[in-house]
Amino acid sequence: MNSIKIILLALTTILMSSCELLFNLPDEEKNLVCESNCYTLNMKGAVIDKTTNNGIKNIQVIMNWTKPTCIFCPDNTIYKGTTENSGNFNISNSIDTSYFQNGFYLSLSIPKNNDYIVVPFGNYFSIYSLTDSILKNVTFELYPKVELKIKTERVQTDNMTTFIVEHYFCKDIRYADIINSKGNSGFDYPLNDTRITETSANIKTYIKWTKSIGDVHIEQVDSVICQKGKENIYTIKY
């Protein structure tokens, strides 16, 4: 056991040391200054409220060099700024293009936001080369976040074996709310339940539920428009 701990400690030290040597950076975040193979990256983008198509001001946008295999590397920030009143942002920074050849990519991201759901999923775009099409047109689509309660009531007496509920408000993000299967000792979760999830305000949220009886699958889809400042509840009777 002690030998395993020593090996893990050694591996951790090597990984941390390699990152420190590679970047020559302190532990805290630091903006990188290009010293060789420099190229001025000019990039324009926008952050919009997708429910209104209006720009959103004062949203922070960050660009970092990222290497998936460098677990303990610090944030290597190239750009950090906020959107203008129009929701637009402009990046004009010098970057070392050799990072691309060394297994890095540029990550353009928005920090997690309590007021909005961010698309793309994960809150970031990945840029793998200077010819990447994302450089020509990058738009973060934000949806105003609200709470949705999905209430399920079992009212039928069929021999249901599986019950699945999901919801979505755009094509890029789907939420699996309930996956309830019948095993030897009954169902995994209560048949009458309330799940609390998130969705977008002001546009249709589609709720789909699928009930399986053996090999027969019955699907139903409905929609609801949720609003901020109100209790949003949708009840499924199945």
C-alpha atoms as a PDB file:
ATOM      1  CA  MET A   1       0.000   0.000   0.000  1.00  0.00           C
ATOM      2  CA  ASN A   2       2.815   2.409   0.856  1.00  0.00           C
ATOM      3  CA  SER A   3       4.540   1.696  -2.449  1.00  0.00           C
ATOM      4  CA  ILE A   4       1.328   2.559  -4.323  1.00  0.00           C
ATOM      5  CA  LYS A   5       1.089   5.873  -2.462  1.00  0.00           C
ATOM      6  CA  ILE A   6       4.708   6.675  -3.317  1.00  0.00           C
ATOM      7  CA  ILE A   7       4.132   5.909  -7.022  1.00  0.00           C
ATOM      8  CA  LEU A   8       1.008   8.079  -7.129  1.00  0.00           C
ATOM      9  CA  LEU A   9       2.823  10.908  -5.389  1.00  0.00           C
ATOM     10  CA  ALA A  10       5.706  10.646  -7.844  1.00  0.00           C
ATOM     11  CA  LEU A  11       3.369  10.711 -10.839  1.00  0.00           C
ATOM     12  CA  THR A  12       1.551  13.725  -9.446  1.00  0.00           C
ATOM     13  CA  THR A  13       4.829  15.551  -8.904  1.00  0.00           C
ATOM     14  CA  ILE A  14       5.981  14.803 -12.453  1.00  0.00           C
ATOM     15  CA  LEU A  15       2.724  16.033 -13.951  1.00  0.00           C
ATOM     16  CA  MET A  16       2.760  19.230 -11.923  1.00  0.00           C
ATOM     17  CA  SER A  17       6.419  19.843 -12.668  1.00  0.00           C
ATOM     18  CA  SER A  18       5.950  19.293 -16.396  1.00  0.00           C
ATOM     19  CA  CYS A  19       3.172  21.853 -16.480  1.00  0.00           C
ATOM     20  CA  GLU A  20       5.212  24.359 -14.490  1.00  0.00           C
ATOM     21  CA  LEU A  21       8.215  23.936 -16.782  1.00  0.00           C
ATOM     22  CA  LEU A  22       6.068  24.122 -19.853  1.00  0.00           C
ATOM     23  CA  PHE A  23       4.433  27.397 -18.946  1.00  0.00           C
ATOM     24  CA  ASN A  24       6.898  28.920 -16.465  1.00  0.00           C
ATOM     25  CA  LEU A  25       3.922  30.371 -14.624  1.00  0.00           C
ATOM     26  CA  PRO A  26       3.119  30.881 -10.944  1.00  0.00           C
ATOM     27  CA  ASP A  27       0.214  29.008  -9.403  1.00  0.00           C
ATOM     28  CA  GLU A  28      -2.194  31.896  -9.820  1.00  0.00           C
ATOM     29  CA  GLU A  29      -3.789  32.692 -13.158  1.00  0.00           C
ATOM     30  CA  LYS A  30      -1.647  34.785 -15.486  1.00  0.00           C
ATOM     31  CA  ASN A  31      -2.229  36.226 -18.939  1.00  0.00           C
ATOM     32  CA  LEU A  32       0.216  34.734 -21.421  1.00  0.00           C
ATOM     33  CA  VAL A  33       2.452  37.063 -23.402  1.00  0.00           C
ATOM     34  CA  CYS A  34       3.533  35.734 -26.799  1.00  0.00           C
ATOM     35  CA  GLU A  35       7.322  35.540 -27.251  1.00  0.00           C
ATOM     36  CA  SER A  36       7.696  33.427 -30.405  1.00  0.00           C
ATOM     37  CA  ASN A  37       5.673  32.151 -33.384  1.00  0.00           C
ATOM     38  CA  CYS A  38       3.330  35.062 -32.747  1.00  0.00           C
ATOM     39  CA  TYR A  39       0.142  35.646 -34.660  1.00  0.00           C
ATOM     40  CA  THR A  40      -2.449  38.351 -33.987  1.00  0.00           C
ATOM     41  CA  LEU A  41      -5.760  36.617 -33.485  1.00  0.00           C
ATOM     42  CA  ASN A  42      -8.663  38.898 -34.406  1.00  0.00           C
ATOM     43  CA  MET A  43     -12.025  37.535 -33.473  1.00  0.00           C
ATOM     44  CA  LYS A  44     -15.514  38.959 -33.081  1.00  0.00           C
ATOM     45  CA  GLY A  45     -18.399  37.341 -31.314  1.00  0.00           C
ATOM     46  CA  ALA A  46     -21.689  37.938 -29.599  1.00  0.00           C
ATOM     47  CA  VAL A  47     -23.660  36.856 -26.554  1.00  0.00           C
ATOM     48  CA  ILE A  48     -27.408  36.952 -27.118  1.00  0.00           C
ATOM     49  CA  ASP A  49     -30.611  36.176 -25.270  1.00  0.00           C
ATOM     50  CA  LYS A  50     -31.949  33.544 -27.641  1.00  0.00           C
ATOM     51  CA  THR A  51     -35.538  34.127 -26.516  1.00  0.00           C
ATOM     52  CA  THR A  52     -35.429  37.733 -27.772  1.00  0.00           C
ATOM     53  CA  ASN A  53     -32.313  37.708 -30.035  1.00  0.00           C
ATOM     54  CA  ASN A  54     -31.088  40.782 -28.160  1.00  0.00           C
ATOM     55  CA  GLY A  55     -27.472  41.119 -27.066  1.00  0.00           C
ATOM     56  CA  ILE A  56     -26.600  40.812 -23.374  1.00  0.00           C
ATOM     57  CA  LYS A  57     -24.127  43.249 -21.877  1.00  0.00           C
ATOM     58  CA  ASN A  58     -21.500  42.683 -19.172  1.00  0.00           C
ATOM     59  CA  ILE A  59     -21.139  38.929 -19.736  1.00  0.00           C
ATOM     60  CA  GLN A  60     -17.584  37.776 -19.085  1.00  0.00           C
ATOM     61  CA  VAL A  61     -15.798  36.005 -21.949  1.00  0.00           C
ATOM     62  CA  ILE A  62     -12.513  34.120 -21.436  1.00  0.00           C
ATOM     63  CA  MET A  63     -10.043  32.545 -23.863  1.00  0.00           C
ATOM     64  CA  ASN A  64      -7.506  30.002 -22.571  1.00  0.00           C
ATOM     65  CA  TRP A  65      -4.953  27.586 -23.955  1.00  0.00           C
ATOM     66  CA  THR A  66      -6.096  24.109 -22.918  1.00  0.00           C
ATOM     67  CA  LYS A  67      -4.355  20.745 -23.109  1.00  0.00           C
ATOM     68  CA  PRO A  68      -6.532  17.749 -22.200  1.00  0.00           C
ATOM     69  CA  THR A  69      -3.590  15.621 -20.997  1.00  0.00           C
ATOM     70  CA  CYS A  70      -2.225  18.318 -18.675  1.00  0.00           C
ATOM     71  CA  ILE A  71      -4.417  17.703 -15.639  1.00  0.00           C
ATOM     72  CA  PHE A  72      -2.802  20.079 -13.163  1.00  0.00           C
ATOM     73  CA  CYS A  73      -2.002  22.955 -15.512  1.00  0.00           C
ATOM     74  CA  PRO A  74      -3.076  26.426 -14.421  1.00  0.00           C
ATOM     75  CA  ASP A  75      -5.445  28.530 -16.470  1.00  0.00           C
ATOM     76  CA  ASN A  76      -3.367  30.000 -19.295  1.00  0.00           C
ATOM     77  CA  THR A  77      -5.448  33.006 -20.145  1.00  0.00           C
ATOM     78  CA  ILE A  78      -5.025  34.838 -23.417  1.00  0.00           C
ATOM     79  CA  TYR A  79      -8.052  37.078 -23.127  1.00  0.00           C
ATOM     80  CA  LYS A  80     -10.559  38.071 -20.477  1.00  0.00           C
ATOM     81  CA  GLY A  81     -13.184  40.735 -21.072  1.00  0.00           C
ATOM     82  CA  THR A  82     -16.894  41.517 -20.966  1.00  0.00           C
ATOM     83  CA  THR A  83     -19.484  42.094 -23.647  1.00  0.00           C
ATOM     84  CA  GLU A  84     -20.430  45.591 -24.766  1.00  0.00           C
ATOM     85  CA  ASN A  85     -23.919  47.077 -24.419  1.00  0.00           C
ATOM     86  CA  SER A  86     -24.736  45.433 -27.764  1.00  0.00           C
ATOM     87  CA  GLY A  87     -23.684  42.008 -26.473  1.00  0.00           C
ATOM     88  CA  ASN A  88     -20.684  41.929 -28.819  1.00  0.00           C
ATOM     89  CA  PHE A  89     -17.076  41.248 -27.872  1.00  0.00           C
ATOM     90  CA  ASN A  90     -13.843  41.731 -29.790  1.00  0.00           C
ATOM     91  CA  ILE A  91     -10.599  39.825 -29.288  1.00  0.00           C
ATOM     92  CA  SER A  92      -7.305  41.037 -30.740  1.00  0.00           C
ATOM     93  CA  ASN A  93      -4.458  39.218 -29.027  1.00  0.00           C
ATOM     94  CA  SER A  94      -1.096  37.827 -30.025  1.00  0.00           C
ATOM     95  CA  ILE A  95      -0.837  34.051 -29.640  1.00  0.00           C
ATOM     96  CA  ASP A  96       1.981  31.533 -30.038  1.00  0.00           C
ATOM     97  CA  THR A  97       0.748  29.294 -32.863  1.00  0.00           C
ATOM     98  CA  SER A  98       3.117  26.452 -31.926  1.00  0.00           C
ATOM     99  CA  TYR A  99       0.746  25.566 -29.088  1.00  0.00           C
ATOM    100  CA  PHE A 100      -1.595  24.052 -31.670  1.00  0.00           C
ATOM    101  CA  GLN A 101       1.154  21.669 -32.828  1.00  0.00           C
ATOM    102  CA  ASN A 102       1.879  20.722 -29.195  1.00  0.00           C
ATOM    103  CA  GLY A 103      -1.564  19.339 -28.490  1.00  0.00           C
ATOM    104  CA  PHE A 104      -3.305  22.464 -27.221  1.00  0.00           C
ATOM    105  CA  TYR A 105      -6.521  24.073 -28.332  1.00  0.00           C
ATOM    106  CA  LEU A 106      -8.082  27.437 -27.587  1.00  0.00           C
ATOM    107  CA  SER A 107     -11.085  27.353 -25.289  1.00  0.00           C
ATOM    108  CA  LEU A 108     -13.488  30.283 -25.582  1.00  0.00           C
ATOM    109  CA  SER A 109     -15.853  30.196 -22.638  1.00  0.00           C
ATOM    110  CA  ILE A 110     -18.396  31.952 -20.485  1.00  0.00           C
ATOM    111  CA  PRO A 111     -18.264  31.208 -16.730  1.00  0.00           C
ATOM    112  CA  LYS A 112     -21.259  29.441 -15.228  1.00  0.00           C
ATOM    113  CA  ASN A 113     -24.107  31.905 -14.890  1.00  0.00           C
ATOM    114  CA  ASN A 114     -26.900  31.705 -12.330  1.00  0.00           C
ATOM    115  CA  ASP A 115     -29.303  33.715 -14.488  1.00  0.00           C
ATOM    116  CA  TYR A 116     -28.842  31.969 -17.834  1.00  0.00           C
ATOM    117  CA  ILE A 117     -28.455  28.553 -19.419  1.00  0.00           C
ATOM    118  CA  VAL A 118     -25.567  28.754 -21.878  1.00  0.00           C
ATOM    119  CA  VAL A 119     -25.383  27.109 -25.301  1.00  0.00           C
ATOM    120  CA  PRO A 120     -23.146  25.385 -26.311  1.00  0.00           C
ATOM    121  CA  PHE A 121     -23.399  22.790 -23.544  1.00  0.00           C
ATOM    122  CA  GLY A 122     -20.408  23.125 -21.241  1.00  0.00           C
ATOM    123  CA  ASN A 123     -20.291  26.905 -21.799  1.00  0.00           C
ATOM    124  CA  TYR A 124     -17.363  26.843 -24.243  1.00  0.00           C
ATOM    125  CA  PHE A 125     -16.232  26.561 -27.861  1.00  0.00           C
ATOM    126  CA  SER A 126     -13.042  24.712 -28.829  1.00  0.00           C
ATOM    127  CA  ILE A 127     -10.707  26.138 -31.498  1.00  0.00           C
ATOM    128  CA  TYR A 128      -8.150  23.697 -32.916  1.00  0.00           C
ATOM    129  CA  SER A 129      -6.498  25.778 -35.649  1.00  0.00           C
ATOM    130  CA  LEU A 130      -6.353  29.221 -37.207  1.00  0.00           C
ATOM    131  CA  THR A 131      -8.596  27.964 -40.016  1.00  0.00           C
ATOM    132  CA  ASP A 132     -11.308  26.750 -37.661  1.00  0.00           C
ATOM    133  CA  SER A 133     -14.683  27.947 -38.943  1.00  0.00           C
ATOM    134  CA  ILE A 134     -15.735  29.023 -35.459  1.00  0.00           C
ATOM    135  CA  LEU A 135     -13.359  31.980 -35.734  1.00  0.00           C
ATOM    136  CA  LYS A 136     -15.579  33.542 -38.392  1.00  0.00           C
ATOM    137  CA  ASN A 137     -18.803  33.498 -36.437  1.00  0.00           C
ATOM    138  CA  VAL A 138     -19.081  32.677 -32.763  1.00  0.00           C
ATOM    139  CA  THR A 139     -22.277  33.296 -30.858  1.00  0.00           C
ATOM    140  CA  PHE A 140     -23.106  32.224 -27.342  1.00  0.00           C
ATOM    141  CA  GLU A 141     -26.837  31.668 -27.021  1.00  0.00           C
ATOM    142  CA  LEU A 142     -28.166  32.293 -23.526  1.00  0.00           C
ATOM    143  CA  TYR A 143     -31.595  31.345 -22.236  1.00  0.00           C
ATOM    144  CA  PRO A 144     -33.087  32.962 -19.103  1.00  0.00           C
ATOM    145  CA  LYS A 145     -33.069  30.256 -16.438  1.00  0.00           C
ATOM    146  CA  VAL A 146     -36.162  29.334 -14.438  1.00  0.00           C
ATOM    147  CA  GLU A 147     -37.151  26.448 -12.187  1.00  0.00           C
ATOM    148  CA  LEU A 148     -39.575  23.836 -13.473  1.00  0.00           C
ATOM    149  CA  LYS A 149     -41.290  21.233 -11.310  1.00  0.00           C
ATOM    150  CA  ILE A 150     -42.375  18.091 -13.134  1.00  0.00           C
ATOM    151  CA  LYS A 151     -44.982  16.227 -11.126  1.00  0.00           C
ATOM    152  CA  THR A 152     -45.905  12.638 -11.988  1.00  0.00           C
ATOM    153  CA  GLU A 153     -49.124  10.910 -10.903  1.00  0.00           C
ATOM    154  CA  ARG A 154     -49.739   7.241 -11.590  1.00  0.00           C
ATOM    155  CA  VAL A 155     -53.464   6.920 -12.427  1.00  0.00           C
ATOM    156  CA  GLN A 156     -53.553   3.989 -14.867  1.00  0.00           C
ATOM    157  CA  THR A 157     -53.445   0.283 -14.019  1.00  0.00           C
ATOM    158  CA  ASP A 158     -51.520  -1.162 -16.971  1.00  0.00           C
ATOM    159  CA  ASN A 159     -48.463  -3.399 -16.597  1.00  0.00           C
ATOM    160  CA  MET A 160     -45.928  -0.638 -17.170  1.00  0.00           C
ATOM    161  CA  THR A 161     -42.278  -1.714 -17.093  1.00  0.00           C
ATOM    162  CA  THR A 162     -40.431   1.548 -17.825  1.00  0.00           C
ATOM    163  CA  PHE A 163     -41.289   5.229 -17.576  1.00  0.00           C
ATOM    164  CA  ILE A 164     -39.047   7.965 -18.994  1.00  0.00           C
ATOM    165  CA  VAL A 165     -39.479  11.747 -18.891  1.00  0.00           C
ATOM    166  CA  GLU A 166     -37.289  14.298 -20.644  1.00  0.00           C
ATOM    167  CA  HIS A 167     -37.612  17.967 -21.541  1.00  0.00           C
ATOM    168  CA  TYR A 168     -35.942  20.364 -23.945  1.00  0.00           C
ATOM    169  CA  PHE A 169     -36.287  23.931 -25.175  1.00  0.00           C
ATOM    170  CA  CYS A 170     -33.699  23.895 -27.986  1.00  0.00           C
ATOM    171  CA  LYS A 171     -32.159  21.238 -30.209  1.00  0.00           C
ATOM    172  CA  ASP A 172     -28.748  21.329 -28.481  1.00  0.00           C
ATOM    173  CA  ILE A 173     -29.709  20.453 -24.907  1.00  0.00           C
ATOM    174  CA  ARG A 174     -31.983  17.709 -23.581  1.00  0.00           C
ATOM    175  CA  TYR A 175     -32.624  16.924 -19.924  1.00  0.00           C
ATOM    176  CA  ALA A 176     -33.309  13.359 -18.758  1.00  0.00           C
ATOM    177  CA  ASP A 177     -35.611  13.969 -15.811  1.00  0.00           C
ATOM    178  CA  ILE A 178     -36.892  10.500 -14.955  1.00  0.00           C
ATOM    179  CA  ILE A 179     -35.774   7.003 -15.922  1.00  0.00           C
ATOM    180  CA  ASN A 180     -37.820   4.588 -13.845  1.00  0.00           C
ATOM    181  CA  SER A 181     -37.605   0.865 -14.522  1.00  0.00           C
ATOM    182  CA  LYS A 182     -39.305  -2.064 -12.848  1.00  0.00           C
ATOM    183  CA  GLY A 183     -37.014  -4.655 -11.323  1.00  0.00           C
ATOM    184  CA  ASN A 184     -37.548  -7.729  -9.203  1.00  0.00           C
ATOM    185  CA  SER A 185     -38.356  -5.649  -6.146  1.00  0.00           C
ATOM    186  CA  GLY A 186     -40.448  -3.015  -7.904  1.00  0.00           C
ATOM    187  CA  PHE A 187     -39.670   0.320  -9.510  1.00  0.00           C
ATOM    188  CA  ASP A 188     -36.446   2.220  -8.867  1.00  0.00           C
ATOM    189  CA  TYR A 189     -38.237   5.426  -7.871  1.00  0.00           C
ATOM    190  CA  PRO A 190     -41.684   6.427  -6.564  1.00  0.00           C
ATOM    191  CA  LEU A 191     -44.409   6.390  -9.210  1.00  0.00           C
ATOM    192  CA  ASN A 192     -45.868   9.593  -7.755  1.00  0.00           C
ATOM    193  CA  ASP A 193     -43.083  12.105  -7.533  1.00  0.00           C
ATOM    194  CA  THR A 194     -41.960  15.698  -8.125  1.00  0.00           C
ATOM    195  CA  ARG A 195     -38.686  16.485  -9.857  1.00  0.00           C
ATOM    196  CA  ILE A 196     -37.183  19.976  -9.815  1.00  0.00           C
ATOM    197  CA  THR A 197     -35.175  20.943 -12.872  1.00  0.00           C
ATOM    198  CA  GLU A 198     -34.217  23.986 -14.946  1.00  0.00           C
ATOM    199  CA  THR A 199     -35.478  25.273 -18.243  1.00  0.00           C
ATOM    200  CA  SER A 200     -35.791  28.483 -20.237  1.00  0.00           C
ATOM    201  CA  ALA A 201     -38.314  31.206 -19.558  1.00  0.00           C
ATOM    202  CA  ASN A 202     -40.496  32.844 -22.217  1.00  0.00           C
ATOM    203  CA  ILE A 203     -40.369  30.111 -24.851  1.00  0.00           C
ATOM    204  CA  LYS A 204     -41.896  26.672 -25.175  1.00  0.00           C
ATOM    205  CA  THR A 205     -40.412  23.879 -23.104  1.00  0.00           C
ATOM    206  CA  TYR A 206     -41.265  20.516 -24.648  1.00  0.00           C
ATOM    207  CA  ILE A 207     -41.921  17.678 -22.226  1.00  0.00           C
ATOM    208  CA  LYS A 208     -41.805  14.152 -23.576  1.00  0.00           C
ATOM    209  CA  TRP A 209     -42.680  11.042 -21.660  1.00  0.00           C
ATOM    210  CA  THR A 210     -42.439   7.441 -22.786  1.00  0.00           C
ATOM    211  CA  LYS A 211     -44.233   4.565 -21.115  1.00  0.00           C
ATOM    212  CA  SER A 212     -43.184   1.048 -21.989  1.00  0.00           C
ATOM    213  CA  ILE A 213     -45.321  -2.044 -21.504  1.00  0.00           C
ATOM    214  CA  GLY A 214     -43.017  -4.864 -22.489  1.00  0.00           C
ATOM    215  CA  ASP A 215     -41.978  -4.186 -26.091  1.00  0.00           C
ATOM    216  CA  VAL A 216     -44.707  -1.594 -26.648  1.00  0.00           C
ATOM    217  CA  HIS A 217     -43.607   2.041 -26.285  1.00  0.00           C
ATOM    218  CA  ILE A 218     -46.149   4.840 -25.918  1.00  0.00           C
ATOM    219  CA  GLU A 219     -44.817   8.365 -26.412  1.00  0.00           C
ATOM    220  CA  GLN A 220     -46.481  11.672 -25.664  1.00  0.00           C
ATOM    221  CA  VAL A 221     -45.186  15.233 -26.061  1.00  0.00           C
ATOM    222  CA  ASP A 222     -46.611  18.436 -24.662  1.00  0.00           C
ATOM    223  CA  SER A 223     -45.305  21.942 -24.121  1.00  0.00           C
ATOM    224  CA  VAL A 224     -45.430  24.668 -21.503  1.00  0.00           C
ATOM    225  CA  ILE A 225     -44.139  28.245 -21.348  1.00  0.00           C
ATOM    226  CA  CYS A 226     -42.457  28.991 -18.037  1.00  0.00           C
ATOM    227  CA  GLN A 227     -42.063  32.458 -16.584  1.00  0.00           C
ATOM    228  CA  LYS A 228     -39.730  34.057 -14.091  1.00  0.00           C
ATOM    229  CA  GLY A 229     -41.256  35.046 -10.775  1.00  0.00           C
ATOM    230  CA  LYS A 230     -43.891  32.320 -10.965  1.00  0.00           C
ATOM    231  CA  GLU A 231     -44.105  28.722  -9.791  1.00  0.00           C
ATOM    232  CA  ASN A 232     -43.868  26.589 -12.916  1.00  0.00           C
ATOM    233  CA  ILE A 233     -45.432  23.147 -12.453  1.00  0.00           C
ATOM    234  CA  TYR A 234     -46.270  20.567 -15.086  1.00  0.00           C
ATOM    235  CA  THR A 235     -48.236  17.449 -14.105  1.00  0.00           C
ATOM    236  CA  ILE A 236     -48.098  14.164 -15.990  1.00  0.00           C
ATOM    237  CA  LYS A 237     -50.861  11.666 -15.305  1.00  0.00           C
ATOM    238  CA  TYR A 238     -49.955   8.286 -16.696  1.00  0.00           C
END
